[in-house]
Amino acid sequence: VYTGAYCGYCNAAKKLLQTAGIPFEEIGLDDKPELRQKLSEENGHYRTIPMIFIDGKFIGGFTDLQALQKQGRLLG
């Protein structure tokens, strides 16, 4: 999960994963503009955070993660 320090959606995504008992690695992008740009270019110019990957596959942001959870497709 690529995040920003003052990002409400990032915090919501982390809380959702924690509540579901799903382990994750958080990588802060506040001081890594080059990495954020690279990730954006590699994922269809998706620029907002959080940027969430599951098993190395980009799934989107918080609303995409929340949709997977509501569909029962997010397993811990």
Foldseek 3Di string as FASTA:
>chain_A
DEEEDPDPQQVVQVVVCVVLVHDDDYHYCPPPPVVLCVVCVVPVNQRDDDFDDDPNHTQHTSVSVVVCVVVVNDHD
